[in-house]
N, C-alpha and C. Protein backbone atom coordinates (compact mmCIF):
# COMPACT_ATOMS: atom_id res chain seq x y z
N UNK A 1 9.12 23.42 -7.77
CA UNK A 1 9.32 22.70 -6.63
C UNK A 1 10.79 22.09 -6.42
N UNK A 2 11.05 21.62 -5.21
CA UNK A 2 12.32 20.96 -5.14
C UNK A 2 11.94 19.77 -4.42
N UNK A 3 12.41 18.56 -4.89
CA UNK A 3 12.19 17.18 -3.98
C UNK A 3 13.75 16.82 -3.50
N UNK A 4 13.46 16.59 -2.13
CA UNK A 4 14.48 16.02 -1.57
C UNK A 4 14.46 14.59 -1.23
N UNK A 5 15.13 13.46 -1.88
CA UNK A 5 14.80 12.15 -1.48
C UNK A 5 15.72 11.60 -0.31
N UNK A 6 15.62 10.27 0.18
CA UNK A 6 15.85 9.87 1.25
C UNK A 6 17.38 10.64 2.00
N UNK A 7 18.76 10.82 1.34
CA UNK A 7 19.65 11.00 1.83
C UNK A 7 19.77 12.33 1.95
N UNK A 8 19.30 13.13 1.21
CA UNK A 8 19.38 14.51 1.32
C UNK A 8 18.07 15.01 2.28
N UNK A 9 17.31 14.19 2.19
CA UNK A 9 16.23 14.89 3.26
C UNK A 9 16.62 14.45 4.56
N UNK A 10 17.15 13.31 4.79
CA UNK A 10 17.85 13.21 6.19
C UNK A 10 18.83 14.01 6.70
N UNK A 11 19.80 14.57 5.72
CA UNK A 11 20.64 15.29 5.92
C UNK A 11 20.12 16.71 6.62
N UNK A 12 19.03 17.26 5.70
CA UNK A 12 18.04 18.47 6.10
C UNK A 12 17.66 18.32 7.46
N UNK A 13 17.35 17.42 7.69
CA UNK A 13 16.30 17.06 9.20
C UNK A 13 17.51 16.87 10.20
N UNK A 14 18.62 16.19 9.87
CA UNK A 14 19.77 16.14 11.04
C UNK A 14 20.35 17.37 11.34
N UNK A 15 20.43 18.67 10.39
CA UNK A 15 20.91 19.75 10.41
C UNK A 15 19.76 20.45 11.52
N UNK A 16 18.59 20.27 11.33
CA UNK A 16 17.46 20.73 12.35
C UNK A 16 17.52 20.08 13.56
N UNK A 17 18.33 18.94 13.99
CA UNK A 17 18.51 18.61 15.33
C UNK A 17 17.50 17.37 15.32
N UNK A 18 17.27 16.59 14.12
CA UNK A 18 16.68 15.19 14.22
C UNK A 18 17.50 14.14 14.41
N UNK A 19 17.05 13.18 15.36
CA UNK A 19 17.67 12.17 15.46
C UNK A 19 17.66 11.04 13.98
N UNK A 20 18.85 10.93 13.45
CA UNK A 20 19.06 10.36 12.14
C UNK A 20 20.01 8.98 12.62
N UNK A 21 19.44 7.54 12.05
CA UNK A 21 20.00 6.55 12.11
C UNK A 21 21.45 6.54 11.17
N UNK A 22 22.59 6.14 11.92
CA UNK A 22 23.81 6.29 11.19
C UNK A 22 23.97 5.71 9.91
N UNK A 23 24.27 6.07 8.85
CA UNK A 23 24.22 5.88 7.21
C UNK A 23 24.95 6.55 6.54
N UNK A 24 25.71 6.15 5.13
CA UNK A 24 26.40 6.55 4.32
C UNK A 24 25.94 5.69 3.18
N UNK A 25 26.45 6.37 2.06
CA UNK A 25 25.98 5.92 0.69
C UNK A 25 27.52 5.58 -0.06
N UNK A 26 27.30 4.40 -0.86
CA UNK A 26 28.55 3.99 -1.28
C UNK A 26 28.47 3.16 -2.69
N UNK A 27 29.43 3.17 -3.67
CA UNK A 27 29.56 2.73 -4.87
C UNK A 27 30.32 1.26 -4.83
N UNK A 28 31.31 1.45 -3.77
CA UNK A 28 32.34 0.34 -3.72
C UNK A 28 32.22 -0.74 -2.52
N UNK A 29 32.13 -1.82 -2.96
CA UNK A 29 31.87 -2.81 -1.73
C UNK A 29 32.78 -2.53 -0.61
N UNK A 30 34.08 -2.49 -0.99
CA UNK A 30 35.30 -2.43 0.01
C UNK A 30 34.93 -1.50 0.91
N UNK A 31 34.88 -0.20 0.28
CA UNK A 31 34.48 0.97 1.25
C UNK A 31 33.57 0.99 2.23
N UNK A 32 32.42 0.50 1.51
CA UNK A 32 31.15 0.25 2.15
C UNK A 32 31.20 -0.67 3.19
N UNK A 33 31.89 -1.87 3.14
CA UNK A 33 32.36 -2.86 4.21
C UNK A 33 33.17 -2.22 5.39
N UNK A 34 34.18 -1.32 5.16
CA UNK A 34 34.90 -0.48 6.23
C UNK A 34 33.70 0.18 7.07
N UNK A 35 32.81 0.76 6.41
CA UNK A 35 31.99 1.35 7.03
C UNK A 35 31.06 0.73 7.83
N UNK A 36 30.54 -0.26 7.29
CA UNK A 36 29.71 -1.24 8.28
C UNK A 36 30.17 -1.91 9.29
N UNK A 37 31.71 -1.83 9.14
CA UNK A 37 32.47 -2.67 10.36
C UNK A 37 32.65 -1.41 11.24
N UNK A 38 32.55 -0.04 10.94
CA UNK A 38 32.66 0.93 11.90
C UNK A 38 31.55 1.33 12.78
N UNK A 39 30.16 1.20 12.05
CA UNK A 39 29.16 1.41 12.77
C UNK A 39 28.52 0.14 13.37
N UNK A 40 29.29 -1.01 13.09
CA UNK A 40 28.85 -2.34 13.51
C UNK A 40 27.51 -3.18 13.10
N UNK A 41 27.89 -4.21 12.64
CA UNK A 41 26.80 -5.46 12.31
C UNK A 41 25.80 -5.65 13.33
N UNK A 42 24.64 -5.85 12.77
CA UNK A 42 24.17 -6.05 11.46
C UNK A 42 23.91 -4.67 11.00
N UNK A 43 23.45 -4.60 9.74
CA UNK A 43 23.48 -3.38 9.02
C UNK A 43 22.08 -3.62 7.89
N UNK A 44 21.76 -2.48 7.50
CA UNK A 44 20.51 -2.51 6.37
C UNK A 44 21.38 -2.19 5.24
N UNK A 45 20.96 -2.79 4.00
CA UNK A 45 21.64 -2.37 2.63
C UNK A 45 20.20 -1.60 1.92
N UNK A 46 20.67 -0.66 1.24
CA UNK A 46 19.17 0.11 0.40
C UNK A 46 19.66 0.52 -0.85
N UNK A 47 19.12 0.38 -1.89
CA UNK A 47 19.46 0.79 -3.22
C UNK A 47 19.28 2.36 -3.14
N UNK A 48 19.90 3.37 -4.08
CA UNK A 48 20.00 4.63 -4.19
C UNK A 48 19.62 4.83 -5.73
N UNK A 49 18.45 5.37 -6.15
CA UNK A 49 18.13 5.62 -7.46
C UNK A 49 17.32 6.55 -7.55
N UNK A 50 17.28 7.76 -8.42
CA UNK A 50 16.27 8.94 -8.65
C UNK A 50 15.10 8.10 -9.33
N UNK A 51 15.12 7.01 -10.09
CA UNK A 51 14.04 6.47 -10.66
C UNK A 51 13.19 5.26 -9.94
N UNK A 52 13.63 4.89 -8.95
CA UNK A 52 12.73 4.14 -8.18
C UNK A 52 12.60 4.52 -6.97
N UNK A 53 10.98 4.68 -6.57
CA UNK A 53 10.58 5.50 -5.50
C UNK A 53 10.31 4.10 -4.58
N UNK A 54 9.79 2.92 -4.63
CA UNK A 54 9.34 2.06 -3.88
C UNK A 54 10.37 1.06 -3.78
N UNK A 55 11.37 1.18 -2.87
CA UNK A 55 12.46 0.31 -3.18
C UNK A 55 12.13 -1.14 -2.78
N UNK A 56 11.24 -1.36 -1.73
CA UNK A 56 10.86 -2.67 -1.31
C UNK A 56 10.32 -3.57 -2.13
N UNK A 57 9.55 -2.66 -3.23
CA UNK A 57 8.72 -3.17 -4.11
C UNK A 57 9.43 -4.31 -4.88
N UNK A 58 10.93 -4.16 -5.28
CA UNK A 58 12.05 -4.78 -6.00
C UNK A 58 12.97 -5.27 -5.35
N UNK A 59 12.69 -5.53 -3.87
CA UNK A 59 13.51 -6.13 -3.25
C UNK A 59 14.92 -5.23 -3.05
N UNK A 60 14.76 -4.02 -3.03
CA UNK A 60 15.94 -2.98 -2.73
C UNK A 60 16.23 -2.73 -1.61
N UNK A 61 15.89 -3.41 -0.29
CA UNK A 61 15.92 -3.15 0.96
C UNK A 61 16.29 -4.49 1.66
N UNK A 62 17.44 -4.70 2.21
CA UNK A 62 17.99 -5.69 2.91
C UNK A 62 18.22 -5.45 4.35
N UNK A 63 17.47 -6.36 5.32
CA UNK A 63 17.76 -6.04 6.56
C UNK A 63 18.80 -6.78 7.26
N UNK A 64 19.07 -6.45 8.45
CA UNK A 64 19.83 -7.48 9.19
C UNK A 64 20.86 -8.07 8.70
N UNK A 65 21.77 -7.35 7.69
CA UNK A 65 23.12 -7.90 7.04
C UNK A 65 24.10 -8.06 7.85
N UNK A 66 24.66 -9.34 7.95
CA UNK A 66 25.82 -9.47 8.87
C UNK A 66 27.16 -9.37 7.77
N UNK A 67 28.32 -9.50 8.33
CA UNK A 67 29.78 -9.44 7.76
C UNK A 67 29.80 -10.69 6.53
N UNK A 68 29.37 -11.82 7.10
CA UNK A 68 29.62 -12.93 6.27
C UNK A 68 28.95 -12.76 4.85
N UNK A 69 27.51 -12.25 4.63
CA UNK A 69 27.10 -12.14 3.49
C UNK A 69 26.96 -10.54 2.74
N UNK A 70 27.45 -9.77 3.43
CA UNK A 70 27.58 -8.26 3.17
C UNK A 70 28.03 -8.24 1.46
N UNK A 71 29.04 -8.59 1.18
CA UNK A 71 29.64 -8.08 -0.09
C UNK A 71 29.05 -8.67 -1.13
N UNK A 72 28.26 -9.99 -0.91
CA UNK A 72 27.50 -10.86 -2.13
C UNK A 72 26.19 -9.95 -2.44
N UNK A 73 25.73 -9.60 -0.84
CA UNK A 73 24.40 -8.81 -1.03
C UNK A 73 24.51 -7.47 -1.60
N UNK A 74 25.59 -6.68 -1.49
CA UNK A 74 25.83 -5.41 -1.71
C UNK A 74 26.17 -5.24 -3.28
N UNK A 75 26.86 -6.46 -3.83
CA UNK A 75 27.19 -6.57 -5.33
C UNK A 75 25.67 -6.99 -6.10
N UNK A 76 25.04 -7.84 -5.25
CA UNK A 76 23.67 -8.14 -5.82
C UNK A 76 22.57 -6.81 -6.06
N UNK A 77 22.64 -5.88 -5.09
CA UNK A 77 21.80 -4.69 -5.18
C UNK A 77 22.66 -3.76 -6.41
N UNK A 78 23.93 -3.52 -6.34
CA UNK A 78 24.30 -2.78 -7.43
C UNK A 78 24.24 -3.09 -8.94
N UNK A 79 23.71 -4.49 -9.07
CA UNK A 79 23.36 -4.64 -10.17
C UNK A 79 21.91 -4.46 -10.68
N UNK A 80 21.03 -4.07 -9.97
CA UNK A 80 19.57 -3.57 -10.14
C UNK A 80 19.73 -2.50 -11.34
N UNK A 81 18.93 -2.64 -12.22
CA UNK A 81 18.86 -1.45 -13.40
C UNK A 81 18.42 -0.05 -12.59
N UNK A 82 19.38 0.91 -12.99
CA UNK A 82 19.14 2.40 -12.55
C UNK A 82 19.29 2.38 -11.32
N UNK A 83 20.13 1.52 -10.52
CA UNK A 83 20.87 1.88 -9.36
C UNK A 83 21.95 2.64 -9.11
N UNK A 84 22.25 3.62 -8.43
CA UNK A 84 23.34 4.52 -8.55
C UNK A 84 24.43 4.09 -7.38
N UNK A 85 23.93 3.88 -6.64
CA UNK A 85 24.93 3.39 -5.20
C UNK A 85 24.10 2.49 -4.15
N UNK A 86 24.84 2.41 -3.10
CA UNK A 86 24.09 1.46 -1.92
C UNK A 86 24.08 2.45 -0.79
N UNK A 87 23.11 2.43 -0.05
CA UNK A 87 23.31 2.90 1.29
C UNK A 87 23.21 1.82 2.32
N UNK A 88 24.41 2.07 3.18
CA UNK A 88 24.80 1.32 4.59
C UNK A 88 24.09 1.86 5.68
N UNK A 89 23.21 1.40 6.33
CA UNK A 89 22.71 2.04 7.49
C UNK A 89 22.54 1.04 8.68
N UNK A 90 22.87 1.40 9.67
CA UNK A 90 22.89 0.79 11.08
C UNK A 90 21.71 0.06 11.02
N UNK A 91 21.57 -1.17 11.54
CA UNK A 91 20.37 -1.98 11.76
C UNK A 91 20.04 -1.59 13.39
N UNK A 92 18.79 -1.03 13.21
CA UNK A 92 18.09 -0.66 14.60
C UNK A 92 16.96 -1.54 14.91
N UNK A 93 16.69 -2.13 15.91
CA UNK A 93 15.50 -2.90 16.17
C UNK A 93 14.50 -2.01 16.89
N UNK A 94 13.12 -2.22 16.54
CA UNK A 94 12.17 -1.47 17.17
C UNK A 94 10.85 -1.73 16.35
N UNK A 95 9.80 -0.53 16.68
CA UNK A 95 8.43 -0.38 16.12
C UNK A 95 8.69 0.77 14.95
N UNK A 96 7.89 0.50 14.11
CA UNK A 96 8.09 1.59 12.60
C UNK A 96 6.59 2.53 12.95
N UNK A 97 6.90 3.72 12.84
CA UNK A 97 5.91 4.73 12.67
C UNK A 97 5.94 5.56 11.55
N UNK A 98 4.91 6.33 11.09
CA UNK A 98 5.29 7.21 10.12
C UNK A 98 4.85 8.56 10.78
N UNK A 99 5.57 9.59 10.03
CA UNK A 99 5.14 11.08 10.72
C UNK A 99 5.02 12.00 9.33
N UNK A 100 4.27 12.82 9.23
CA UNK A 100 4.01 13.70 8.38
C UNK A 100 3.72 15.28 8.08
N UNK A 101 4.01 15.87 7.36
CA UNK A 101 3.82 17.29 7.54
C UNK A 101 3.45 17.62 6.12
N UNK A 102 2.12 18.42 5.93
CA UNK A 102 1.47 18.87 4.81
C UNK A 102 0.86 19.92 4.84
N UNK A 103 0.90 20.82 3.97
CA UNK A 103 0.35 22.02 3.87
C UNK A 103 -0.75 22.20 2.92
N UNK A 104 -1.94 22.65 3.33
CA UNK A 104 -3.13 22.78 2.66
C UNK A 104 -3.42 24.11 2.34
N UNK A 105 -3.86 24.22 1.00
CA UNK A 105 -4.04 25.84 0.80
C UNK A 105 -5.26 26.67 1.65
N UNK A 106 -6.15 25.81 2.08
CA UNK A 106 -7.20 26.37 2.85
C UNK A 106 -6.74 25.97 4.46
N UNK A 107 -6.48 25.03 4.93
CA UNK A 107 -6.45 24.89 6.45
C UNK A 107 -4.96 25.34 6.63
N UNK A 108 -3.78 25.13 5.92
CA UNK A 108 -2.49 25.53 6.35
C UNK A 108 -1.82 23.96 6.54
N UNK A 109 -1.16 23.88 7.43
CA UNK A 109 -0.39 22.93 7.86
C UNK A 109 -0.92 21.97 8.72
N UNK A 110 -0.86 20.58 8.50
CA UNK A 110 -1.39 19.52 9.58
C UNK A 110 -0.17 18.62 9.60
N UNK A 111 -0.43 17.73 10.63
CA UNK A 111 0.82 16.86 11.10
C UNK A 111 -0.06 15.44 11.16
N UNK A 112 0.75 14.39 10.58
CA UNK A 112 -0.02 12.92 10.72
C UNK A 112 1.18 12.02 11.60
N UNK A 113 0.62 11.00 12.25
CA UNK A 113 1.23 10.18 12.75
C UNK A 113 0.61 8.78 12.75
N UNK A 114 1.25 7.87 12.36
CA UNK A 114 0.69 6.38 12.07
C UNK A 114 1.42 5.37 12.10
N UNK A 115 0.97 4.14 11.92
CA UNK A 115 1.82 2.71 11.80
C UNK A 115 2.53 3.16 10.67
N UNK A 116 3.86 2.59 10.71
CA UNK A 116 4.78 2.95 9.60
C UNK A 116 5.51 1.49 8.99
N UNK A 117 6.20 1.64 8.05
CA UNK A 117 6.79 0.71 7.25
C UNK A 117 6.19 0.29 6.08
N UNK A 118 6.35 -1.10 5.47
CA UNK A 118 6.15 -1.21 4.26
C UNK A 118 4.27 -1.40 4.09
N UNK A 119 3.90 -1.60 5.36
CA UNK A 119 2.55 -2.08 5.33
C UNK A 119 1.50 -0.58 5.55
N UNK A 120 1.96 0.38 5.45
CA UNK A 120 1.27 1.72 5.93
C UNK A 120 -0.03 1.94 5.14
N UNK A 121 0.34 1.56 3.98
CA UNK A 121 -1.19 1.90 2.91
C UNK A 121 -2.03 0.74 3.12
N UNK A 122 -1.64 -0.18 3.94
CA UNK A 122 -2.77 -1.47 4.16
C UNK A 122 -3.49 -1.35 5.54
N UNK A 123 -2.71 -0.94 6.42
CA UNK A 123 -3.15 -0.63 7.77
C UNK A 123 -4.15 0.21 8.10
N UNK A 124 -3.92 1.65 7.32
CA UNK A 124 -4.45 2.75 7.53
C UNK A 124 -4.84 3.13 9.06
N UNK A 125 -3.55 3.16 9.67
CA UNK A 125 -3.66 3.45 10.92
C UNK A 125 -2.89 4.77 11.22
N UNK A 126 -3.65 5.75 11.24
CA UNK A 126 -3.08 7.23 11.16
C UNK A 126 -3.91 8.24 11.84
N UNK A 127 -3.22 9.19 12.45
CA UNK A 127 -4.03 10.37 13.12
C UNK A 127 -3.67 11.71 12.35
N UNK A 128 -4.54 12.54 12.54
CA UNK A 128 -4.07 13.99 11.84
C UNK A 128 -4.62 15.14 13.08
N UNK A 129 -3.68 16.32 12.83
CA UNK A 129 -4.29 17.56 13.49
C UNK A 129 -3.92 18.69 12.65
N UNK A 130 -4.47 19.55 12.66
CA UNK A 130 -3.91 20.71 12.08
C UNK A 130 -3.28 21.52 13.04
N UNK A 131 -2.15 22.19 12.59
CA UNK A 131 -1.04 22.78 13.69
C UNK A 131 -1.62 24.27 13.90
N UNK A 132 -1.44 24.84 14.87
CA UNK A 132 -0.25 24.41 15.90
C UNK A 132 -0.62 23.20 16.87
N UNK A 133 0.48 22.40 17.31
CA UNK A 133 -0.32 21.38 18.36
C UNK A 133 0.58 21.45 19.47
N UNK A 134 0.28 20.92 20.62
CA UNK A 134 0.70 21.01 22.10
C UNK A 134 1.22 19.35 22.39
N UNK A 135 2.01 19.48 23.31
CA UNK A 135 2.52 17.85 23.89
C UNK A 135 0.93 17.15 24.05
N UNK A 136 0.16 17.78 24.81
CA UNK A 136 -0.98 16.83 25.02
C UNK A 136 -1.57 16.35 23.57
N UNK A 137 -1.54 17.26 22.53
CA UNK A 137 -2.24 16.95 21.49
C UNK A 137 -1.39 15.66 20.81
N UNK A 138 -0.03 15.74 20.89
CA UNK A 138 0.78 14.80 20.38
C UNK A 138 0.30 13.38 20.90
N UNK A 139 0.14 13.17 22.26
CA UNK A 139 -0.43 12.11 23.08
C UNK A 139 -1.71 11.67 22.58
N UNK A 140 -2.35 12.68 22.57
CA UNK A 140 -3.71 12.17 22.04
C UNK A 140 -3.70 11.47 20.68
N UNK A 141 -2.92 11.97 19.75
CA UNK A 141 -2.86 11.44 18.56
C UNK A 141 -2.23 9.89 18.43
N UNK A 142 -1.33 9.77 19.59
CA UNK A 142 -0.99 8.48 19.59
C UNK A 142 -1.73 7.45 20.18
N UNK A 143 -2.77 8.04 20.96
CA UNK A 143 -3.54 7.20 21.68
C UNK A 143 -4.60 6.69 20.78
N UNK A 144 -4.85 7.69 19.56
CA UNK A 144 -5.86 7.34 18.54
C UNK A 144 -5.37 6.00 17.77
N UNK A 145 -4.15 5.68 17.73
CA UNK A 145 -3.72 4.66 17.01
C UNK A 145 -3.96 3.25 17.43
N UNK A 146 -3.94 2.30 16.35
CA UNK A 146 -4.35 0.81 16.81
C UNK A 146 -2.84 0.35 17.25
N UNK A 147 -2.01 1.03 16.88
CA UNK A 147 -0.59 0.28 17.76
C UNK A 147 -0.34 0.90 18.81
N UNK A 148 -1.12 1.94 19.60
CA UNK A 148 -0.82 2.45 20.54
C UNK A 148 -0.43 1.47 21.85
N UNK A 149 -1.46 0.48 22.11
CA UNK A 149 -1.45 -0.50 22.96
C UNK A 149 0.13 -1.23 23.03
N UNK A 150 0.71 -1.20 21.86
CA UNK A 150 2.29 -1.99 21.80
C UNK A 150 2.94 -0.62 22.17
N UNK A 151 2.95 0.45 21.82
CA UNK A 151 3.69 1.44 22.10
C UNK A 151 3.63 1.77 23.42
N UNK A 152 2.68 1.54 24.13
CA UNK A 152 2.31 2.02 25.75
C UNK A 152 2.88 0.79 26.32
N UNK A 153 3.17 -0.40 25.97
CA UNK A 153 4.07 -1.29 27.08
C UNK A 153 3.33 -2.64 26.98
N UNK A 154 2.48 -3.13 25.90
CA UNK A 154 1.90 -4.34 26.01
C UNK A 154 3.01 -5.70 26.07
N UNK A 155 2.56 -6.58 26.76
CA UNK A 155 3.54 -7.90 26.80
C UNK A 155 5.00 -7.57 27.33
N UNK A 156 5.22 -6.30 28.03
CA UNK A 156 6.46 -6.29 28.75
C UNK A 156 7.35 -5.21 27.63
N UNK A 157 7.01 -4.89 26.59
CA UNK A 157 7.82 -4.06 25.39
C UNK A 157 7.72 -2.66 26.24
N UNK A 158 8.85 -1.86 25.99
CA UNK A 158 9.03 -0.71 26.46
C UNK A 158 9.28 0.21 25.21
N UNK A 159 8.72 1.22 25.03
CA UNK A 159 9.10 2.13 23.99
C UNK A 159 9.01 3.49 24.20
N UNK A 160 9.97 4.45 23.80
CA UNK A 160 10.10 5.87 24.25
C UNK A 160 9.29 6.78 23.66
N UNK A 161 7.98 6.76 24.34
CA UNK A 161 6.94 8.05 23.63
C UNK A 161 7.16 8.99 24.04
N UNK A 162 7.99 9.45 25.22
CA UNK A 162 8.43 10.99 25.04
C UNK A 162 9.36 11.48 23.79
N UNK A 163 10.13 10.35 23.18
CA UNK A 163 11.12 10.76 22.04
C UNK A 163 10.09 10.84 20.81
N UNK A 164 9.06 10.02 20.79
CA UNK A 164 8.02 10.25 19.61
C UNK A 164 7.33 11.47 19.90
N UNK A 165 7.02 12.02 20.95
CA UNK A 165 6.34 13.44 21.03
C UNK A 165 7.44 14.26 20.72
N UNK A 166 8.65 14.46 21.02
CA UNK A 166 9.58 15.47 21.20
C UNK A 166 9.80 15.35 19.48
N UNK A 167 9.85 14.35 18.66
CA UNK A 167 9.95 14.43 17.35
C UNK A 167 8.73 15.19 16.71
N UNK A 168 7.49 14.64 17.28
CA UNK A 168 6.55 15.44 16.60
C UNK A 168 6.43 16.83 16.69
N UNK A 169 6.74 17.25 17.98
CA UNK A 169 6.69 18.89 18.15
C UNK A 169 7.90 19.34 17.34
N UNK A 170 9.01 18.86 17.37
CA UNK A 170 9.95 19.41 16.24
C UNK A 170 9.71 19.62 15.05
N UNK A 171 9.03 18.30 14.51
CA UNK A 171 8.59 18.66 12.88
C UNK A 171 7.43 19.63 13.05
N UNK A 172 6.66 19.89 13.87
CA UNK A 172 5.47 20.85 13.73
C UNK A 172 6.19 22.21 13.66
N UNK A 173 7.41 22.41 13.93
CA UNK A 173 7.98 23.70 14.06
C UNK A 173 8.85 23.93 12.76
N UNK A 174 8.54 23.11 11.83
CA UNK A 174 9.33 23.40 10.31
C UNK A 174 8.66 24.05 9.31
N UNK A 175 7.23 24.70 10.02
CA UNK A 175 6.59 25.34 9.02
C UNK A 175 7.03 26.60 8.21
N UNK A 176 7.99 26.93 8.76
CA UNK A 176 8.71 28.23 8.36
C UNK A 176 9.81 28.04 7.21
N UNK A 177 9.77 26.81 6.89
CA UNK A 177 10.98 26.24 5.70
C UNK A 177 10.26 26.02 4.35
N UNK A 178 9.43 26.54 4.15
CA UNK A 178 8.51 26.50 2.89
C UNK A 178 8.60 25.38 2.39
N UNK A 179 7.97 24.28 3.28
CA UNK A 179 7.70 22.93 2.85
C UNK A 179 6.19 22.88 2.58
N UNK A 180 6.17 22.06 1.55
CA UNK A 180 4.80 21.68 0.74
C UNK A 180 4.59 20.45 1.61
N UNK A 181 5.41 19.20 1.50
CA UNK A 181 5.11 18.12 2.09
C UNK A 181 6.37 17.44 2.54
N UNK A 182 6.47 16.76 3.83
CA UNK A 182 7.11 16.05 4.30
C UNK A 182 6.97 14.64 4.68
N UNK A 183 7.72 13.63 4.45
CA UNK A 183 7.17 12.05 4.94
C UNK A 183 8.43 11.55 5.42
N UNK A 184 8.19 11.25 6.80
CA UNK A 184 9.09 10.26 7.52
C UNK A 184 8.40 8.59 7.57
N UNK A 185 9.00 7.87 7.12
CA UNK A 185 8.48 6.49 7.16
C UNK A 185 9.81 5.38 6.52
N UNK A 186 10.17 4.87 7.84
CA UNK A 186 9.66 4.97 8.99
C UNK A 186 10.54 5.56 9.87
N UNK A 187 9.73 6.02 11.13
CA UNK A 187 10.69 6.55 12.47
C UNK A 187 10.55 5.18 13.22
N UNK A 188 11.74 4.81 13.51
CA UNK A 188 11.80 3.64 14.18
C UNK A 188 11.93 3.86 15.96
N UNK A 189 11.18 3.33 16.70
CA UNK A 189 11.16 3.64 17.91
C UNK A 189 11.44 2.43 18.93
N UNK A 190 12.28 2.49 19.59
CA UNK A 190 12.57 1.36 20.93
C UNK A 190 12.75 2.20 22.09
N UNK A 191 13.18 1.25 23.21
CA UNK A 191 13.07 1.83 24.61
C UNK A 191 14.16 2.85 24.61
N UNK A 192 15.17 3.19 23.71
CA UNK A 192 15.98 4.35 23.96
C UNK A 192 15.66 5.57 23.13
N UNK A 193 15.35 5.41 21.80
CA UNK A 193 15.27 6.63 21.03
C UNK A 193 14.04 6.74 19.86
N UNK A 194 13.85 7.52 19.38
CA UNK A 194 13.04 7.74 18.05
C UNK A 194 13.89 8.13 16.97
N UNK A 195 14.30 7.30 15.95
CA UNK A 195 15.02 7.92 14.88
C UNK A 195 14.79 7.73 13.36
N UNK A 196 14.95 8.58 12.78
CA UNK A 196 14.75 8.60 11.40
C UNK A 196 15.22 7.71 10.46
N UNK A 197 14.64 6.83 10.06
CA UNK A 197 15.45 5.86 8.76
C UNK A 197 14.97 6.14 7.58
N UNK A 198 14.00 6.91 7.23
CA UNK A 198 13.80 7.20 5.68
C UNK A 198 12.86 8.38 5.70
N UNK A 199 13.23 9.47 4.72
CA UNK A 199 12.55 10.60 4.66
C UNK A 199 12.33 11.14 3.27
N UNK A 200 11.42 11.88 3.08
CA UNK A 200 11.20 12.51 1.60
C UNK A 200 10.74 14.11 2.04
N UNK A 201 11.17 15.18 1.31
CA UNK A 201 10.69 16.50 1.45
C UNK A 201 10.31 17.08 0.20
N UNK A 202 9.36 17.54 -0.03
CA UNK A 202 9.23 18.54 -1.27
C UNK A 202 8.95 19.97 -0.69
N UNK A 203 9.76 20.59 -1.33
CA UNK A 203 9.79 22.42 -0.87
C UNK A 203 8.91 23.13 -2.08
N UNK A 204 8.53 24.05 -1.67
CA UNK A 204 7.75 24.78 -2.85
C UNK A 204 8.81 25.39 -3.62
């Protein structure tokens, strides 16, 4: 089996036509600062490590970083044990979803969509289908979620539901890639796009 963690997994998905939030990996704060200015503040800083799975548990993700405190926060994260580099990612406001693709030895591939972010395991807000799926199936899966009233425009907020559906359909077409398991968490959704912020892929 082969495991692709965040940056490599996102590169694989980018090549497959998925929308990925702008990001790059750095070991040097000066180079990282130049990139952050290029993509525009605020940004997100994330630790990169083969040994650390849940970055948020050790405060390895810092959201909404501005230029004034960028260097100090970058240097602080680099001092965490077993951290090899820091990912600088454009900060995008929106609602967090998760998407998943998994192969079962009996039923074949299934797809999942649910509430994403760091509270995924607490919320248990998720919907599953066996592939293949249609556009209507995707919409019905979203409607099964507790978060759907928010996505569909509660309190005047607007989210790009067609972009979520297109991402789900695109994910459902990856079954020929010899993937055992694929996790996208989060997929961040706003009025414009549905973009991948973090991903993990396990190949057979």
